[in-house]
Amino acid sequence: MMLKSMFGKAWMAITIAILLTACGGSTLLKQSEAVSPQGNEVTFYALGLIDTGYRFGGKNPEAGLDCSGMVSYVYREAVGMKISGSAADMARRGKEIDKDSLRAGDLVFFNTLNRPFSHVGVYIGDGRFIHAPSSKGKVRIERMDNVYFAPRFEMARTYFD
């Protein structure tokens, strides 16, 4: 059963990657969206977690993930980088970048609980990010400009050169 679940998630990640490539294939990426090798790994690993269940304090896909747990897990597994703590803790590390300089694999931070940096996601390119929201309880992709997240955006950070 576990193998079937892992295969299903891998297949979904590959399908999403193909769709992302196909959707963006007719336009040139802005220079700021050039993908780093590490950012690419983080993005593809995060895509493999789509539909993983949410769990407050969750740090692995089997038990469920919260937003910071998802980021910690993805960075550790995809590129061997240790990023831990809450979303607010993560917002204090890395290098702050402009929203216009976001590249796949960078982190985006939001104020979703009326406190600074209460939510984090992984930017995947083309104005989208993947995150583990408590609402609807599954890891999913959102647009940065959606009516909920756009006014709550606070900062972006990169951990790559």
N, C-alpha and C. Protein backbone atom coordinates (compact mmCIF):
# COMPACT_ATOMS: atom_id res chain seq x y z
N MET A 1 0.83 -1.19 0.00
CA MET A 1 0.00 0.00 0.00
C MET A 1 0.87 1.26 0.00
N MET A 2 1.94 1.25 0.82
CA MET A 2 2.84 2.40 0.90
C MET A 2 3.50 2.64 -0.45
N LEU A 3 3.94 1.58 -1.14
CA LEU A 3 4.57 1.71 -2.44
C LEU A 3 3.60 2.32 -3.45
N LYS A 4 2.35 1.88 -3.41
CA LYS A 4 1.34 2.41 -4.32
C LYS A 4 1.14 3.91 -4.06
N SER A 5 1.10 4.29 -2.79
CA SER A 5 0.94 5.69 -2.43
C SER A 5 2.13 6.52 -2.90
N MET A 6 3.35 6.00 -2.70
CA MET A 6 4.56 6.71 -3.12
C MET A 6 4.59 6.84 -4.64
N PHE A 7 4.20 5.76 -5.36
CA PHE A 7 4.18 5.80 -6.81
C PHE A 7 3.16 6.82 -7.28
N GLY A 8 2.00 6.85 -6.65
CA GLY A 8 0.96 7.81 -7.02
C GLY A 8 1.42 9.24 -6.84
N LYS A 9 2.11 9.52 -5.75
CA LYS A 9 2.62 10.87 -5.52
C LYS A 9 3.72 11.22 -6.50
N ALA A 10 4.60 10.27 -6.80
CA ALA A 10 5.66 10.52 -7.78
C ALA A 10 5.04 10.79 -9.15
N TRP A 11 4.05 10.00 -9.53
CA TRP A 11 3.38 10.19 -10.81
C TRP A 11 2.72 11.57 -10.87
N MET A 12 2.08 11.98 -9.76
CA MET A 12 1.44 13.28 -9.70
C MET A 12 2.48 14.39 -9.85
N ALA A 13 3.62 14.27 -9.19
CA ALA A 13 4.67 15.28 -9.27
C ALA A 13 5.19 15.41 -10.69
N ILE A 14 5.39 14.27 -11.37
CA ILE A 14 5.86 14.29 -12.75
C ILE A 14 4.83 14.95 -13.65
N THR A 15 3.56 14.62 -13.45
CA THR A 15 2.49 15.21 -14.25
C THR A 15 2.44 16.72 -14.05
N ILE A 16 2.53 17.15 -12.81
CA ILE A 16 2.50 18.59 -12.52
C ILE A 16 3.69 19.28 -13.14
N ALA A 17 4.86 18.66 -13.04
CA ALA A 17 6.06 19.25 -13.62
C ALA A 17 5.90 19.42 -15.13
N ILE A 18 5.34 18.42 -15.79
CA ILE A 18 5.11 18.50 -17.23
C ILE A 18 4.14 19.62 -17.55
N LEU A 19 3.06 19.71 -16.76
CA LEU A 19 2.08 20.77 -16.98
C LEU A 19 2.69 22.15 -16.74
N LEU A 20 3.50 22.28 -15.71
CA LEU A 20 4.15 23.56 -15.45
C LEU A 20 5.07 23.94 -16.60
N THR A 21 5.79 22.96 -17.11
CA THR A 21 6.69 23.21 -18.24
C THR A 21 5.88 23.59 -19.48
N ALA A 22 4.80 22.85 -19.72
CA ALA A 22 3.98 23.11 -20.90
C ALA A 22 3.32 24.48 -20.82
N CYS A 23 2.84 24.85 -19.65
CA CYS A 23 2.18 26.14 -19.48
C CYS A 23 3.15 27.29 -19.66
N GLY A 24 4.37 27.11 -19.22
CA GLY A 24 5.35 28.18 -19.30
C GLY A 24 6.20 28.12 -20.55
N GLY A 25 6.02 27.09 -21.36
CA GLY A 25 6.89 26.89 -22.51
C GLY A 25 6.78 27.93 -23.59
N SER A 26 5.64 28.60 -23.69
CA SER A 26 5.47 29.57 -24.76
C SER A 26 5.98 30.96 -24.40
N THR A 27 6.34 31.16 -23.14
CA THR A 27 6.85 32.46 -22.73
C THR A 27 8.22 32.29 -22.12
N LEU A 28 9.03 33.33 -22.22
CA LEU A 28 10.35 33.30 -21.60
C LEU A 28 10.21 33.63 -20.13
N LEU A 29 10.95 32.92 -19.29
CA LEU A 29 10.97 33.25 -17.87
C LEU A 29 11.73 34.54 -17.67
N LYS A 30 11.28 35.34 -16.72
CA LYS A 30 12.04 36.52 -16.34
C LYS A 30 13.40 36.05 -15.85
N GLN A 31 14.41 36.87 -16.01
CA GLN A 31 15.75 36.52 -15.55
C GLN A 31 15.72 36.12 -14.08
N SER A 32 14.89 36.79 -13.27
CA SER A 32 14.85 36.50 -11.84
C SER A 32 14.28 35.11 -11.56
N GLU A 33 13.60 34.49 -12.52
CA GLU A 33 13.03 33.18 -12.29
C GLU A 33 13.92 32.05 -12.80
N ALA A 34 15.16 32.36 -13.18
CA ALA A 34 16.09 31.31 -13.57
C ALA A 34 16.24 30.36 -12.37
N VAL A 35 16.14 29.09 -12.62
CA VAL A 35 16.11 28.10 -11.54
C VAL A 35 17.53 27.66 -11.17
N SER A 36 17.81 27.63 -9.88
CA SER A 36 19.08 27.07 -9.41
C SER A 36 18.91 25.56 -9.30
N PRO A 37 19.98 24.79 -9.40
CA PRO A 37 19.85 23.33 -9.27
C PRO A 37 19.23 22.93 -7.93
N GLN A 38 19.63 23.57 -6.83
CA GLN A 38 19.05 23.24 -5.53
C GLN A 38 17.58 23.65 -5.46
N GLY A 39 17.25 24.81 -6.00
CA GLY A 39 15.86 25.26 -6.01
C GLY A 39 14.98 24.31 -6.81
N ASN A 40 15.53 23.81 -7.90
CA ASN A 40 14.81 22.84 -8.73
C ASN A 40 14.52 21.57 -7.94
N GLU A 41 15.52 21.07 -7.22
CA GLU A 41 15.33 19.86 -6.40
C GLU A 41 14.27 20.08 -5.33
N VAL A 42 14.34 21.22 -4.65
CA VAL A 42 13.36 21.54 -3.61
C VAL A 42 11.96 21.58 -4.20
N THR A 43 11.82 22.21 -5.36
CA THR A 43 10.51 22.34 -6.01
C THR A 43 9.93 20.98 -6.37
N PHE A 44 10.71 20.14 -7.01
CA PHE A 44 10.20 18.83 -7.41
C PHE A 44 9.87 17.96 -6.21
N TYR A 45 10.68 18.05 -5.17
CA TYR A 45 10.40 17.27 -3.96
C TYR A 45 9.11 17.74 -3.32
N ALA A 46 8.92 19.07 -3.26
CA ALA A 46 7.69 19.62 -2.68
C ALA A 46 6.47 19.20 -3.48
N LEU A 47 6.58 19.19 -4.80
CA LEU A 47 5.46 18.78 -5.65
C LEU A 47 5.03 17.34 -5.36
N GLY A 48 5.99 16.52 -4.97
CA GLY A 48 5.68 15.13 -4.62
C GLY A 48 4.85 15.00 -3.35
N LEU A 49 4.70 16.07 -2.61
CA LEU A 49 3.93 16.04 -1.36
C LEU A 49 2.49 16.52 -1.53
N ILE A 50 2.11 16.90 -2.73
CA ILE A 50 0.74 17.36 -2.95
C ILE A 50 -0.25 16.31 -2.46
N ASP A 51 -1.28 16.79 -1.78
CA ASP A 51 -2.35 15.98 -1.17
C ASP A 51 -1.93 15.28 0.11
N THR A 52 -0.73 15.54 0.62
CA THR A 52 -0.34 15.02 1.93
C THR A 52 -1.19 15.73 2.97
N GLY A 53 -1.64 15.01 3.96
CA GLY A 53 -2.51 15.57 4.99
C GLY A 53 -1.82 16.58 5.89
N TYR A 54 -2.62 17.53 6.40
CA TYR A 54 -2.13 18.54 7.33
C TYR A 54 -2.20 18.00 8.76
N ARG A 55 -1.19 18.35 9.54
CA ARG A 55 -1.22 18.07 10.98
C ARG A 55 -0.40 19.14 11.68
N PHE A 56 -1.00 19.84 12.62
CA PHE A 56 -0.28 20.87 13.37
C PHE A 56 0.94 20.24 14.03
N GLY A 57 2.09 20.84 13.82
CA GLY A 57 3.34 20.31 14.37
C GLY A 57 3.91 19.14 13.60
N GLY A 58 3.24 18.75 12.49
CA GLY A 58 3.67 17.60 11.70
C GLY A 58 4.97 17.85 10.97
N LYS A 59 5.86 16.86 11.02
CA LYS A 59 7.19 17.02 10.43
C LYS A 59 7.54 15.96 9.39
N ASN A 60 6.61 15.04 9.11
CA ASN A 60 6.87 14.05 8.06
C ASN A 60 5.56 13.70 7.37
N PRO A 61 5.63 13.27 6.11
CA PRO A 61 4.41 13.00 5.34
C PRO A 61 3.55 11.89 5.91
N GLU A 62 4.16 10.91 6.56
CA GLU A 62 3.37 9.80 7.09
C GLU A 62 2.44 10.25 8.20
N ALA A 63 2.90 11.16 9.04
CA ALA A 63 2.10 11.66 10.16
C ALA A 63 1.28 12.88 9.77
N GLY A 64 1.67 13.55 8.70
CA GLY A 64 1.05 14.81 8.30
C GLY A 64 2.05 15.94 8.48
N LEU A 65 1.82 17.03 7.78
CA LEU A 65 2.76 18.16 7.78
C LEU A 65 2.04 19.47 8.08
N ASP A 66 2.70 20.34 8.83
CA ASP A 66 2.25 21.72 8.87
C ASP A 66 3.19 22.51 7.95
N CYS A 67 3.00 23.82 7.85
CA CYS A 67 3.76 24.58 6.85
C CYS A 67 5.27 24.53 7.09
N SER A 68 5.68 24.78 8.32
CA SER A 68 7.12 24.78 8.59
C SER A 68 7.69 23.37 8.57
N GLY A 69 6.90 22.40 8.99
CA GLY A 69 7.33 21.00 8.91
C GLY A 69 7.55 20.56 7.48
N MET A 70 6.67 21.01 6.57
CA MET A 70 6.83 20.68 5.16
C MET A 70 8.13 21.27 4.62
N VAL A 71 8.38 22.55 4.92
CA VAL A 71 9.60 23.21 4.44
C VAL A 71 10.84 22.51 4.99
N SER A 72 10.85 22.23 6.29
CA SER A 72 12.00 21.54 6.91
C SER A 72 12.24 20.20 6.24
N TYR A 73 11.17 19.43 6.06
CA TYR A 73 11.27 18.10 5.47
C TYR A 73 11.80 18.19 4.03
N VAL A 74 11.24 19.08 3.24
CA VAL A 74 11.63 19.19 1.83
C VAL A 74 13.08 19.61 1.69
N TYR A 75 13.50 20.63 2.41
CA TYR A 75 14.89 21.08 2.31
C TYR A 75 15.87 19.99 2.76
N ARG A 76 15.52 19.30 3.84
CA ARG A 76 16.41 18.23 4.34
C ARG A 76 16.50 17.09 3.33
N GLU A 77 15.37 16.61 2.84
CA GLU A 77 15.36 15.46 1.95
C GLU A 77 15.85 15.79 0.54
N ALA A 78 15.52 16.97 0.04
CA ALA A 78 15.87 17.31 -1.35
C ALA A 78 17.32 17.76 -1.51
N VAL A 79 17.81 18.57 -0.56
CA VAL A 79 19.16 19.13 -0.73
C VAL A 79 20.04 18.99 0.51
N GLY A 80 19.58 18.25 1.51
CA GLY A 80 20.39 18.02 2.71
C GLY A 80 20.62 19.25 3.56
N MET A 81 19.73 20.23 3.46
CA MET A 81 19.87 21.47 4.20
C MET A 81 18.95 21.46 5.42
N LYS A 82 19.51 21.79 6.58
CA LYS A 82 18.72 21.81 7.80
C LYS A 82 18.13 23.20 8.02
N ILE A 83 16.82 23.29 7.86
CA ILE A 83 16.08 24.51 8.14
C ILE A 83 14.96 24.08 9.08
N SER A 84 15.00 24.56 10.31
CA SER A 84 14.01 24.09 11.27
C SER A 84 13.40 25.27 12.02
N GLY A 85 12.43 24.94 12.86
CA GLY A 85 11.74 25.95 13.64
C GLY A 85 10.42 26.34 13.01
N SER A 86 9.82 27.36 13.57
CA SER A 86 8.53 27.85 13.07
C SER A 86 8.74 28.68 11.81
N ALA A 87 7.63 29.05 11.18
CA ALA A 87 7.72 29.93 10.01
C ALA A 87 8.44 31.23 10.38
N ALA A 88 8.13 31.77 11.57
CA ALA A 88 8.79 33.01 12.01
C ALA A 88 10.29 32.81 12.19
N ASP A 89 10.69 31.65 12.72
CA ASP A 89 12.12 31.34 12.85
C ASP A 89 12.79 31.31 11.48
N MET A 90 12.14 30.66 10.51
CA MET A 90 12.69 30.56 9.17
C MET A 90 12.80 31.93 8.50
N ALA A 91 11.87 32.82 8.83
CA ALA A 91 11.87 34.16 8.23
C ALA A 91 13.05 34.99 8.71
N ARG A 92 13.67 34.60 9.81
CA ARG A 92 14.83 35.33 10.33
C ARG A 92 16.15 34.86 9.71
N ARG A 93 16.12 33.76 8.97
CA ARG A 93 17.33 33.22 8.37
C ARG A 93 17.26 33.32 6.84
N GLY A 94 18.30 32.93 6.19
CA GLY A 94 18.34 33.05 4.74
C GLY A 94 18.57 34.50 4.35
N LYS A 95 18.48 34.76 3.09
CA LYS A 95 18.71 36.11 2.56
C LYS A 95 17.39 36.68 2.07
N GLU A 96 17.01 37.86 2.57
CA GLU A 96 15.77 38.48 2.12
C GLU A 96 15.93 38.90 0.66
N ILE A 97 14.89 38.65 -0.12
CA ILE A 97 14.89 39.02 -1.54
C ILE A 97 13.58 39.72 -1.87
N ASP A 98 13.59 40.50 -2.94
CA ASP A 98 12.38 41.15 -3.43
C ASP A 98 11.44 40.10 -4.01
N LYS A 99 10.17 40.39 -3.94
CA LYS A 99 9.16 39.50 -4.53
C LYS A 99 9.43 39.28 -6.02
N ASP A 100 9.94 40.31 -6.69
CA ASP A 100 10.24 40.21 -8.12
C ASP A 100 11.46 39.34 -8.42
N SER A 101 12.22 39.00 -7.39
CA SER A 101 13.43 38.18 -7.57
C SER A 101 13.22 36.73 -7.19
N LEU A 102 11.99 36.35 -6.88
CA LEU A 102 11.72 34.97 -6.48
C LEU A 102 12.11 33.98 -7.56
N ARG A 103 12.71 32.86 -7.10
CA ARG A 103 13.04 31.74 -7.97
C ARG A 103 12.48 30.47 -7.32
N ALA A 104 12.28 29.47 -8.12
CA ALA A 104 11.77 28.19 -7.60
C ALA A 104 12.66 27.72 -6.45
N GLY A 105 12.02 27.30 -5.36
CA GLY A 105 12.74 26.82 -4.19
C GLY A 105 12.89 27.86 -3.09
N ASP A 106 12.65 29.13 -3.41
CA ASP A 106 12.71 30.18 -2.40
C ASP A 106 11.50 30.06 -1.47
N LEU A 107 11.60 30.67 -0.30
CA LEU A 107 10.50 30.62 0.67
C LEU A 107 9.71 31.91 0.66
N VAL A 108 8.40 31.79 0.78
CA VAL A 108 7.51 32.94 0.85
C VAL A 108 6.77 32.90 2.18
N PHE A 109 6.63 34.06 2.81
CA PHE A 109 6.06 34.16 4.15
C PHE A 109 4.83 35.05 4.16
N PHE A 110 3.87 34.65 4.98
CA PHE A 110 2.58 35.33 5.04
C PHE A 110 2.15 35.54 6.49
N ASN A 111 1.30 36.54 6.71
CA ASN A 111 0.67 36.77 7.99
C ASN A 111 -0.75 36.24 7.89
N THR A 112 -0.96 35.02 8.33
CA THR A 112 -2.28 34.39 8.21
C THR A 112 -3.00 34.26 9.55
N LEU A 113 -2.31 34.55 10.64
CA LEU A 113 -2.91 34.38 11.98
C LEU A 113 -2.83 35.68 12.78
N ASN A 114 -2.84 36.80 12.07
CA ASN A 114 -2.70 38.11 12.71
C ASN A 114 -1.43 38.24 13.53
N ARG A 115 -0.39 37.56 13.05
CA ARG A 115 0.95 37.75 13.63
C ARG A 115 1.96 37.56 12.49
N PRO A 116 3.03 38.34 12.54
CA PRO A 116 4.01 38.30 11.45
C PRO A 116 4.58 36.91 11.21
N PHE A 117 4.75 36.58 9.95
CA PHE A 117 5.42 35.36 9.51
C PHE A 117 4.82 34.11 10.13
N SER A 118 3.51 34.01 10.10
CA SER A 118 2.83 32.86 10.69
C SER A 118 2.63 31.72 9.71
N HIS A 119 2.98 31.93 8.43
CA HIS A 119 2.81 30.87 7.44
C HIS A 119 3.94 30.95 6.43
N VAL A 120 4.39 29.78 5.95
CA VAL A 120 5.48 29.72 4.97
C VAL A 120 5.14 28.70 3.89
N GLY A 121 5.61 28.98 2.69
CA GLY A 121 5.45 28.06 1.57
C GLY A 121 6.70 28.11 0.70
N VAL A 122 6.76 27.19 -0.27
CA VAL A 122 7.89 27.11 -1.21
C VAL A 122 7.42 27.65 -2.56
N TYR A 123 8.09 28.68 -3.03
CA TYR A 123 7.78 29.24 -4.34
C TYR A 123 8.17 28.23 -5.42
N ILE A 124 7.28 28.02 -6.40
CA ILE A 124 7.57 27.03 -7.44
C ILE A 124 7.68 27.65 -8.83
N GLY A 125 7.54 28.96 -8.91
CA GLY A 125 7.64 29.64 -10.21
C GLY A 125 6.29 30.08 -10.72
N ASP A 126 6.31 30.97 -11.68
CA ASP A 126 5.11 31.44 -12.36
C ASP A 126 4.07 32.00 -11.39
N GLY A 127 4.51 32.66 -10.32
CA GLY A 127 3.58 33.27 -9.38
C GLY A 127 2.85 32.30 -8.49
N ARG A 128 3.39 31.09 -8.31
CA ARG A 128 2.72 30.07 -7.50
C ARG A 128 3.63 29.54 -6.41
N PHE A 129 3.02 29.03 -5.36
CA PHE A 129 3.77 28.41 -4.27
C PHE A 129 3.01 27.19 -3.77
N ILE A 130 3.74 26.30 -3.12
CA ILE A 130 3.17 25.09 -2.55
C ILE A 130 3.31 25.21 -1.03
N HIS A 131 2.26 24.78 -0.34
CA HIS A 131 2.26 24.92 1.12
C HIS A 131 1.35 23.90 1.76
N ALA A 132 1.46 23.81 3.09
CA ALA A 132 0.62 22.90 3.87
C ALA A 132 -0.34 23.76 4.70
N PRO A 133 -1.52 24.05 4.17
CA PRO A 133 -2.47 24.89 4.89
C PRO A 133 -3.33 24.06 5.85
N SER A 134 -3.76 24.69 6.91
CA SER A 134 -4.66 23.99 7.83
C SER A 134 -6.06 23.93 7.24
N SER A 135 -6.43 24.95 6.44
CA SER A 135 -7.76 24.92 5.83
C SER A 135 -7.77 23.89 4.69
N LYS A 136 -8.77 23.08 4.65
CA LYS A 136 -8.94 21.99 3.68
C LYS A 136 -7.89 20.89 3.84
N GLY A 137 -6.96 21.06 4.76
CA GLY A 137 -6.10 20.00 5.25
C GLY A 137 -5.21 19.21 4.33
N LYS A 138 -4.77 19.76 3.20
CA LYS A 138 -3.89 19.02 2.28
C LYS A 138 -2.85 19.97 1.69
N VAL A 139 -1.63 19.45 1.46
CA VAL A 139 -0.60 20.21 0.77
C VAL A 139 -1.12 20.51 -0.63
N ARG A 140 -0.99 21.79 -1.03
CA ARG A 140 -1.51 22.18 -2.35
C ARG A 140 -0.78 23.40 -2.88
N ILE A 141 -1.08 23.73 -4.13
CA ILE A 141 -0.50 24.88 -4.81
C ILE A 141 -1.49 26.03 -4.77
N GLU A 142 -0.96 27.24 -4.56
CA GLU A 142 -1.77 28.46 -4.59
C GLU A 142 -1.06 29.49 -5.46
N ARG A 143 -1.80 30.48 -5.89
CA ARG A 143 -1.21 31.62 -6.60
C ARG A 143 -0.86 32.70 -5.59
N MET A 144 0.25 33.35 -5.82
CA MET A 144 0.68 34.45 -4.94
C MET A 144 -0.32 35.60 -4.99
N ASP A 145 -0.99 35.76 -6.12
CA ASP A 145 -1.91 36.89 -6.28
C ASP A 145 -3.36 36.55 -5.93
N ASN A 146 -3.59 35.40 -5.28
CA ASN A 146 -4.98 35.08 -4.96
C ASN A 146 -5.50 36.02 -3.87
N VAL A 147 -6.80 36.16 -3.79
CA VAL A 147 -7.40 37.18 -2.93
C VAL A 147 -7.09 36.98 -1.44
N TYR A 148 -6.80 35.77 -1.04
CA TYR A 148 -6.46 35.54 0.36
C TYR A 148 -4.98 35.83 0.64
N PHE A 149 -4.09 35.29 -0.17
CA PHE A 149 -2.67 35.39 0.11
C PHE A 149 -2.03 36.71 -0.30
N ALA A 150 -2.45 37.33 -1.38
CA ALA A 150 -1.80 38.56 -1.85
C ALA A 150 -1.71 39.64 -0.76
N PRO A 151 -2.79 39.96 -0.06
CA PRO A 151 -2.65 41.01 0.96
C PRO A 151 -1.91 40.55 2.22
N ARG A 152 -1.69 39.26 2.37
CA ARG A 152 -1.03 38.73 3.56
C ARG A 152 0.46 38.44 3.35
N PHE A 153 0.94 38.63 2.11
CA PHE A 153 2.35 38.39 1.81
C PHE A 153 3.21 39.36 2.62
N GLU A 154 4.28 38.84 3.23
CA GLU A 154 5.17 39.68 4.03
C GLU A 154 6.60 39.73 3.52
N MET A 155 7.14 38.60 3.10
CA MET A 155 8.56 38.57 2.76
C MET A 155 8.89 37.31 1.96
N ALA A 156 10.01 37.40 1.24
CA ALA A 156 10.58 36.22 0.58
C ALA A 156 12.02 36.08 1.02
N ARG A 157 12.46 34.84 1.13
CA ARG A 157 13.84 34.53 1.53
C ARG A 157 14.39 33.47 0.60
N THR A 158 15.67 33.56 0.33
CA THR A 158 16.34 32.50 -0.42
C THR A 158 17.44 31.90 0.44
N TYR A 159 17.67 30.63 0.23
CA TYR A 159 18.74 29.93 0.91
C TYR A 159 19.80 29.47 -0.08
N PHE A 160 19.65 29.92 -1.34
CA PHE A 160 20.55 29.53 -2.43
C PHE A 160 21.26 30.74 -2.98
N ASP A 161 22.42 30.51 -3.62
CA ASP A 161 23.16 31.62 -4.24
C ASP A 161 22.47 32.13 -5.48
